[in-house]
């Protein structure tokens, strides 16, 4: 149900070239929030994230559009989860900032 939303968050998490445990945990928290299944954690979602692969900026934009249109997520919620992921580190790299700017423009 939330494949495009998850793909969008995955792009944000991998925008700096790596995905840290804290970023995986935030994606897992988002999944728990949407599904109500509190058994999910960053380890149990790793397989799902590996299946989705690393999205490009273009696929992030397309996925975010689809998520906002078809998956019932608001731009504010997608931005909020994305900001949580990005703020797990001290610096924001260019691709992360581009993703945030794109989402903010959608608001």
C-alpha atoms as a PDB file:
ATOM      1  CA  UNK A   1       0.000   0.000   0.000  1.00  0.00           C
ATOM      2  CA  UNK A   2       2.816   2.448   0.776  1.00  0.00           C
ATOM      3  CA  UNK A   3       5.493   1.352  -1.688  1.00  0.00           C
ATOM      4  CA  UNK A   4       5.939   4.802  -3.215  1.00  0.00           C
ATOM      5  CA  UNK A   5       6.065   6.441   0.205  1.00  0.00           C
ATOM      6  CA  UNK A   6       8.649   3.920   1.416  1.00  0.00           C
ATOM      7  CA  UNK A   7      10.649   4.365  -1.789  1.00  0.00           C
ATOM      8  CA  UNK A   8      10.628   8.135  -1.194  1.00  0.00           C
ATOM      9  CA  UNK A   9      11.896   7.727   2.363  1.00  0.00           C
ATOM     10  CA  UNK A  10      14.504   5.262   1.147  1.00  0.00           C
ATOM     11  CA  UNK A  11      15.797   7.853  -1.312  1.00  0.00           C
ATOM     12  CA  UNK A  12      16.125  10.400   1.486  1.00  0.00           C
ATOM     13  CA  UNK A  13      17.928   7.871   3.682  1.00  0.00           C
ATOM     14  CA  UNK A  14      20.357   6.897   0.892  1.00  0.00           C
ATOM     15  CA  UNK A  15      20.846  10.411  -0.557  1.00  0.00           C
ATOM     16  CA  UNK A  16      24.220  10.757   1.133  1.00  0.00           C
ATOM     17  CA  UNK A  17      25.389   7.411  -0.264  1.00  0.00           C
ATOM     18  CA  UNK A  18      24.694   5.285   2.801  1.00  0.00           C
ATOM     19  CA  UNK A  19      21.867   4.338   5.119  1.00  0.00           C
ATOM     20  CA  UNK A  20      22.558   4.346   8.827  1.00  0.00           C
ATOM     21  CA  UNK A  21      20.788   2.238  11.438  1.00  0.00           C
ATOM     22  CA  UNK A  22      19.016   5.320  12.838  1.00  0.00           C
ATOM     23  CA  UNK A  23      17.592   6.064   9.382  1.00  0.00           C
ATOM     24  CA  UNK A  24      16.329   2.481   9.020  1.00  0.00           C
ATOM     25  CA  UNK A  25      14.732   2.768  12.443  1.00  0.00           C
ATOM     26  CA  UNK A  26      12.827   5.888  11.393  1.00  0.00           C
ATOM     27  CA  UNK A  27      11.512   4.129   8.295  1.00  0.00           C
ATOM     28  CA  UNK A  28      10.446   1.241  10.537  1.00  0.00           C
ATOM     29  CA  UNK A  29       8.694   3.730  12.852  1.00  0.00           C
ATOM     30  CA  UNK A  30       6.834   5.135   9.860  1.00  0.00           C
ATOM     31  CA  UNK A  31       5.758   1.625   8.854  1.00  0.00           C
ATOM     32  CA  UNK A  32       4.556   0.910  12.393  1.00  0.00           C
ATOM     33  CA  UNK A  33       2.651   4.187  12.388  1.00  0.00           C
ATOM     34  CA  UNK A  34       0.868   3.286   9.147  1.00  0.00           C
ATOM     35  CA  UNK A  35       0.333  -0.414   9.774  1.00  0.00           C
ATOM     36  CA  UNK A  36      -0.196  -0.524  13.520  1.00  0.00           C
ATOM     37  CA  UNK A  37       2.132  -3.547  13.622  1.00  0.00           C
ATOM     38  CA  UNK A  38       4.622  -2.788  16.386  1.00  0.00           C
ATOM     39  CA  UNK A  39       6.626  -5.945  15.619  1.00  0.00           C
ATOM     40  CA  UNK A  40       8.314  -4.090  12.768  1.00  0.00           C
ATOM     41  CA  UNK A  41      11.808  -2.744  13.396  1.00  0.00           C
ATOM     42  CA  UNK A  42      14.758  -1.673  11.308  1.00  0.00           C
ATOM     43  CA  UNK A  43      15.996  -5.244  11.009  1.00  0.00           C
ATOM     44  CA  UNK A  44      12.673  -6.570   9.760  1.00  0.00           C
ATOM     45  CA  UNK A  45      12.355  -3.864   7.113  1.00  0.00           C
ATOM     46  CA  UNK A  46      15.887  -4.283   5.730  1.00  0.00           C
ATOM     47  CA  UNK A  47      14.697  -6.994   3.358  1.00  0.00           C
ATOM     48  CA  UNK A  48      11.926  -4.752   2.042  1.00  0.00           C
ATOM     49  CA  UNK A  49      14.337  -1.875   1.522  1.00  0.00           C
ATOM     50  CA  UNK A  50      16.773  -4.129  -0.333  1.00  0.00           C
ATOM     51  CA  UNK A  51      13.992  -5.276  -2.655  1.00  0.00           C
ATOM     52  CA  UNK A  52      13.067  -1.695  -3.509  1.00  0.00           C
ATOM     53  CA  UNK A  53      16.614  -0.800  -4.492  1.00  0.00           C
ATOM     54  CA  UNK A  54      18.152   2.664  -4.460  1.00  0.00           C
ATOM     55  CA  UNK A  55      15.879   5.172  -6.176  1.00  0.00           C
ATOM     56  CA  UNK A  56      17.195   8.047  -8.286  1.00  0.00           C
ATOM     57  CA  UNK A  57      16.110  11.648  -7.770  1.00  0.00           C
ATOM     58  CA  UNK A  58      13.716  11.256 -10.695  1.00  0.00           C
ATOM     59  CA  UNK A  59      12.149   8.127  -9.229  1.00  0.00           C
ATOM     60  CA  UNK A  60      11.989   9.885  -5.834  1.00  0.00           C
ATOM     61  CA  UNK A  61      10.028  12.749  -7.386  1.00  0.00           C
ATOM     62  CA  UNK A  62       7.726  10.390  -9.293  1.00  0.00           C
ATOM     63  CA  UNK A  63       7.269   8.201  -6.207  1.00  0.00           C
ATOM     64  CA  UNK A  64       6.549  11.172  -3.967  1.00  0.00           C
ATOM     65  CA  UNK A  65       3.915  12.432  -6.435  1.00  0.00           C
ATOM     66  CA  UNK A  66       2.277   8.993  -6.548  1.00  0.00           C
ATOM     67  CA  UNK A  67       2.445   8.655  -2.768  1.00  0.00           C
ATOM     68  CA  UNK A  68       0.791  12.023  -2.235  1.00  0.00           C
ATOM     69  CA  UNK A  69      -1.893  11.255  -4.803  1.00  0.00           C
ATOM     70  CA  UNK A  70      -2.612   7.567  -4.209  1.00  0.00           C
ATOM     71  CA  UNK A  71      -1.350   6.469  -0.798  1.00  0.00           C
ATOM     72  CA  UNK A  72      -3.141   8.840   1.539  1.00  0.00           C
ATOM     73  CA  UNK A  73      -0.016  10.488   2.909  1.00  0.00           C
ATOM     74  CA  UNK A  74       0.001  14.242   3.259  1.00  0.00           C
ATOM     75  CA  UNK A  75       2.904  16.359   2.036  1.00  0.00           C
ATOM     76  CA  UNK A  76       3.467  17.459   5.634  1.00  0.00           C
ATOM     77  CA  UNK A  77       3.725  13.875   6.863  1.00  0.00           C
ATOM     78  CA  UNK A  78       6.136  12.849   4.110  1.00  0.00           C
ATOM     79  CA  UNK A  79       8.222  15.952   4.805  1.00  0.00           C
ATOM     80  CA  UNK A  80       8.185  15.256   8.544  1.00  0.00           C
ATOM     81  CA  UNK A  81       9.433  11.667   8.159  1.00  0.00           C
ATOM     82  CA  UNK A  82      12.050  12.859   5.657  1.00  0.00           C
ATOM     83  CA  UNK A  83      13.294  15.551   8.038  1.00  0.00           C
ATOM     84  CA  UNK A  84      13.569  13.002  10.838  1.00  0.00           C
ATOM     85  CA  UNK A  85      15.739  10.836   8.611  1.00  0.00           C
ATOM     86  CA  UNK A  86      17.940  13.719   7.528  1.00  0.00           C
ATOM     87  CA  UNK A  87      18.387  15.066  11.034  1.00  0.00           C
ATOM     88  CA  UNK A  88      19.953  11.831  12.246  1.00  0.00           C
ATOM     89  CA  UNK A  89      23.213  13.380  11.032  1.00  0.00           C
ATOM     90  CA  UNK A  90      24.779  16.775  11.597  1.00  0.00           C
ATOM     91  CA  UNK A  91      25.218  17.763   7.960  1.00  0.00           C
ATOM     92  CA  UNK A  92      22.706  17.895   5.140  1.00  0.00           C
ATOM     93  CA  UNK A  93      24.232  16.913   1.801  1.00  0.00           C
ATOM     94  CA  UNK A  94      23.088  18.345  -1.527  1.00  0.00           C
ATOM     95  CA  UNK A  95      20.805  15.474  -2.531  1.00  0.00           C
ATOM     96  CA  UNK A  96      19.132  15.501   0.889  1.00  0.00           C
ATOM     97  CA  UNK A  97      18.544  19.233   0.610  1.00  0.00           C
ATOM     98  CA  UNK A  98      17.166  18.767  -2.912  1.00  0.00           C
ATOM     99  CA  UNK A  99      14.684  16.192  -1.600  1.00  0.00           C
ATOM    100  CA  UNK A 100      13.578  18.493   1.231  1.00  0.00           C
ATOM    101  CA  UNK A 101      13.226  21.412  -1.180  1.00  0.00           C
ATOM    102  CA  UNK A 102      11.142  19.277  -3.529  1.00  0.00           C
ATOM    103  CA  UNK A 103       8.809  18.216  -0.713  1.00  0.00           C
ATOM    104  CA  UNK A 104       8.533  21.754   0.676  1.00  0.00           C
ATOM    105  CA  UNK A 105       7.566  22.992  -2.793  1.00  0.00           C
ATOM    106  CA  UNK A 106       4.787  20.378  -2.817  1.00  0.00           C
ATOM    107  CA  UNK A 107       3.316  21.930   0.334  1.00  0.00           C
END
